[in-house]
Amino acid sequence: MHVAALIEKINVYIATKESPLKIEKITIKDILQIIREEFSPRLVVRQIKWLEPEAMVEIKADKLSILRVFRNFVDNALKYGGEDLSEIRIGYKETEE
């Protein structure tokens, strides 16, 4: 389902040269679950621990864009983290803004 949505968004971008954002309330926990499942085989093979916050943090964002950001972060960690990479830790910090 996510791949189809991403393909649709790319097609819209190509057709209009701009990609409309769909801002909605999403929980980071849901996003991280999707990303963790995508990268799970690589994490298991390399014996890399996945650490994420327990809290159900909710944000307003474009879901596909946030998925792309986290996918890029994790992919880069795996590509450039080297042989000593033993964990991927995801966290957040609340601010008053």
C-alpha atoms as a PDB file:
ATOM      1  CA  MET A   1       0.000   0.000   0.000  1.00  0.00           C
ATOM      2  CA  HIS A   2       2.778   2.441   0.841  1.00  0.00           C
ATOM      3  CA  VAL A   3       4.596   1.716  -2.413  1.00  0.00           C
ATOM      4  CA  ALA A   4       1.432   2.375  -4.401  1.00  0.00           C
ATOM      5  CA  ALA A   5       0.891   5.655  -2.562  1.00  0.00           C
ATOM      6  CA  LEU A   6       4.486   6.686  -3.201  1.00  0.00           C
ATOM      7  CA  ILE A   7       4.179   5.822  -6.898  1.00  0.00           C
ATOM      8  CA  GLU A   8       0.981   7.858  -7.081  1.00  0.00           C
ATOM      9  CA  LYS A   9       2.707  10.810  -5.432  1.00  0.00           C
ATOM     10  CA  ILE A  10       5.594  10.569  -7.909  1.00  0.00           C
ATOM     11  CA  ASN A  11       3.144  10.456 -10.817  1.00  0.00           C
ATOM     12  CA  VAL A  12       1.375  13.550  -9.472  1.00  0.00           C
ATOM     13  CA  TYR A  13       4.714  15.321  -9.127  1.00  0.00           C
ATOM     14  CA  ILE A  14       5.726  14.450 -12.672  1.00  0.00           C
ATOM     15  CA  ALA A  15       2.359  15.584 -14.014  1.00  0.00           C
ATOM     16  CA  THR A  16       2.216  18.877 -12.123  1.00  0.00           C
ATOM     17  CA  LYS A  17       5.876  19.509 -11.254  1.00  0.00           C
ATOM     18  CA  GLU A  18       4.848  20.002  -7.664  1.00  0.00           C
ATOM     19  CA  SER A  19       3.951  17.531  -5.003  1.00  0.00           C
ATOM     20  CA  PRO A  20       1.008  18.549  -2.830  1.00  0.00           C
ATOM     21  CA  LEU A  21       1.509  17.720   0.818  1.00  0.00           C
ATOM     22  CA  LYS A  22      -1.209  15.927   2.719  1.00  0.00           C
ATOM     23  CA  ILE A  23      -0.774  17.197   6.266  1.00  0.00           C
ATOM     24  CA  GLU A  24      -2.406  14.891   8.793  1.00  0.00           C
ATOM     25  CA  LYS A  25      -1.987  13.729  12.382  1.00  0.00           C
ATOM     26  CA  ILE A  26       0.321  10.733  12.525  1.00  0.00           C
ATOM     27  CA  THR A  27       2.085   8.912  15.333  1.00  0.00           C
ATOM     28  CA  ILE A  28       5.814   8.477  15.066  1.00  0.00           C
ATOM     29  CA  LYS A  29       5.386   4.977  16.535  1.00  0.00           C
ATOM     30  CA  ASP A  30       3.369   3.953  13.440  1.00  0.00           C
ATOM     31  CA  ILE A  31       5.997   5.407  11.114  1.00  0.00           C
ATOM     32  CA  LEU A  32       8.816   3.661  12.968  1.00  0.00           C
ATOM     33  CA  GLN A  33       6.977   0.336  12.846  1.00  0.00           C
ATOM     34  CA  ILE A  34       6.775   0.567   9.051  1.00  0.00           C
ATOM     35  CA  ILE A  35      10.462   1.482   8.768  1.00  0.00           C
ATOM     36  CA  ARG A  36      11.551  -1.201  11.259  1.00  0.00           C
ATOM     37  CA  GLU A  37       9.648  -3.864   9.296  1.00  0.00           C
ATOM     38  CA  GLU A  38      11.222  -2.721   6.009  1.00  0.00           C
ATOM     39  CA  PHE A  39      14.752  -2.872   7.402  1.00  0.00           C
ATOM     40  CA  SER A  40      14.283  -5.857   9.734  1.00  0.00           C
ATOM     41  CA  PRO A  41      16.071  -8.417   7.514  1.00  0.00           C
ATOM     42  CA  ARG A  42      19.167  -6.208   7.256  1.00  0.00           C
ATOM     43  CA  LEU A  43      19.109  -5.437  10.987  1.00  0.00           C
ATOM     44  CA  VAL A  44      18.883  -9.138  11.875  1.00  0.00           C
ATOM     45  CA  VAL A  45      21.686 -10.184   9.520  1.00  0.00           C
ATOM     46  CA  ARG A  46      24.006  -7.499  10.908  1.00  0.00           C
ATOM     47  CA  GLN A  47      22.788  -8.027  14.507  1.00  0.00           C
ATOM     48  CA  ILE A  48      21.893  -4.360  14.920  1.00  0.00           C
ATOM     49  CA  LYS A  49      19.578  -3.403  17.786  1.00  0.00           C
ATOM     50  CA  TRP A  50      16.640  -1.104  17.037  1.00  0.00           C
ATOM     51  CA  LEU A  51      15.806   1.355  19.836  1.00  0.00           C
ATOM     52  CA  GLU A  52      12.865   3.729  19.719  1.00  0.00           C
ATOM     53  CA  PRO A  53      10.830   5.755  22.220  1.00  0.00           C
ATOM     54  CA  GLU A  54       7.906   4.098  23.971  1.00  0.00           C
ATOM     55  CA  ALA A  55       5.754   7.235  23.858  1.00  0.00           C
ATOM     56  CA  MET A  56       3.046   7.609  21.231  1.00  0.00           C
ATOM     57  CA  VAL A  57       4.201  11.002  19.967  1.00  0.00           C
ATOM     58  CA  GLU A  58       1.726  12.536  17.533  1.00  0.00           C
ATOM     59  CA  ILE A  59       2.745  15.092  14.923  1.00  0.00           C
ATOM     60  CA  LYS A  60       1.138  16.862  11.994  1.00  0.00           C
ATOM     61  CA  ALA A  61       3.008  16.039   8.805  1.00  0.00           C
ATOM     62  CA  ASP A  62       2.819  14.524   5.350  1.00  0.00           C
ATOM     63  CA  LYS A  63       3.040  10.782   6.053  1.00  0.00           C
ATOM     64  CA  LEU A  64       4.861   9.837   2.846  1.00  0.00           C
ATOM     65  CA  SER A  65       7.427  12.590   3.366  1.00  0.00           C
ATOM     66  CA  ILE A  66       8.105  11.535   6.966  1.00  0.00           C
ATOM     67  CA  LEU A  67       8.413   7.907   5.852  1.00  0.00           C
ATOM     68  CA  ARG A  68      10.922   8.989   3.218  1.00  0.00           C
ATOM     69  CA  VAL A  69      12.945  10.964   5.809  1.00  0.00           C
ATOM     70  CA  PHE A  70      13.156   8.085   8.297  1.00  0.00           C
ATOM     71  CA  ARG A  71      13.842   5.569   5.518  1.00  0.00           C
ATOM     72  CA  ASN A  72      16.733   7.759   4.359  1.00  0.00           C
ATOM     73  CA  PHE A  73      18.117   8.112   7.924  1.00  0.00           C
ATOM     74  CA  VAL A  74      18.092   4.360   8.537  1.00  0.00           C
ATOM     75  CA  ASP A  75      19.417   3.500   5.080  1.00  0.00           C
ATOM     76  CA  ASN A  76      22.304   5.955   5.539  1.00  0.00           C
ATOM     77  CA  ALA A  77      23.072   4.553   8.998  1.00  0.00           C
ATOM     78  CA  LEU A  78      23.291   1.057   7.522  1.00  0.00           C
ATOM     79  CA  LYS A  79      25.345   2.172   4.509  1.00  0.00           C
ATOM     80  CA  TYR A  80      27.786   4.460   6.297  1.00  0.00           C
ATOM     81  CA  GLY A  81      27.728   3.227   9.913  1.00  0.00           C
ATOM     82  CA  GLY A  82      30.559   0.823   9.300  1.00  0.00           C
ATOM     83  CA  GLU A  83      31.202  -2.653  10.653  1.00  0.00           C
ATOM     84  CA  ASP A  84      30.997  -1.486  14.287  1.00  0.00           C
ATOM     85  CA  LEU A  85      27.401  -0.276  13.995  1.00  0.00           C
ATOM     86  CA  SER A  86      25.578  -2.133  16.776  1.00  0.00           C
ATOM     87  CA  GLU A  87      22.381  -0.139  17.264  1.00  0.00           C
ATOM     88  CA  ILE A  88      20.105   2.378  15.640  1.00  0.00           C
ATOM     89  CA  ARG A  89      18.565   4.630  18.275  1.00  0.00           C
ATOM     90  CA  ILE A  90      15.697   6.951  17.428  1.00  0.00           C
ATOM     91  CA  GLY A  91      14.575   9.598  19.878  1.00  0.00           C
ATOM     92  CA  TYR A  92      13.003  13.000  20.148  1.00  0.00           C
ATOM     93  CA  LYS A  93      13.121  16.111  22.275  1.00  0.00           C
ATOM     94  CA  GLU A  94      10.078  18.191  23.113  1.00  0.00           C
ATOM     95  CA  THR A  95      10.385  21.949  22.856  1.00  0.00           C
ATOM     96  CA  GLU A  96       8.011  24.741  23.769  1.00  0.00           C
ATOM     97  CA  GLU A  97       7.599  25.846  20.160  1.00  0.00           C
END
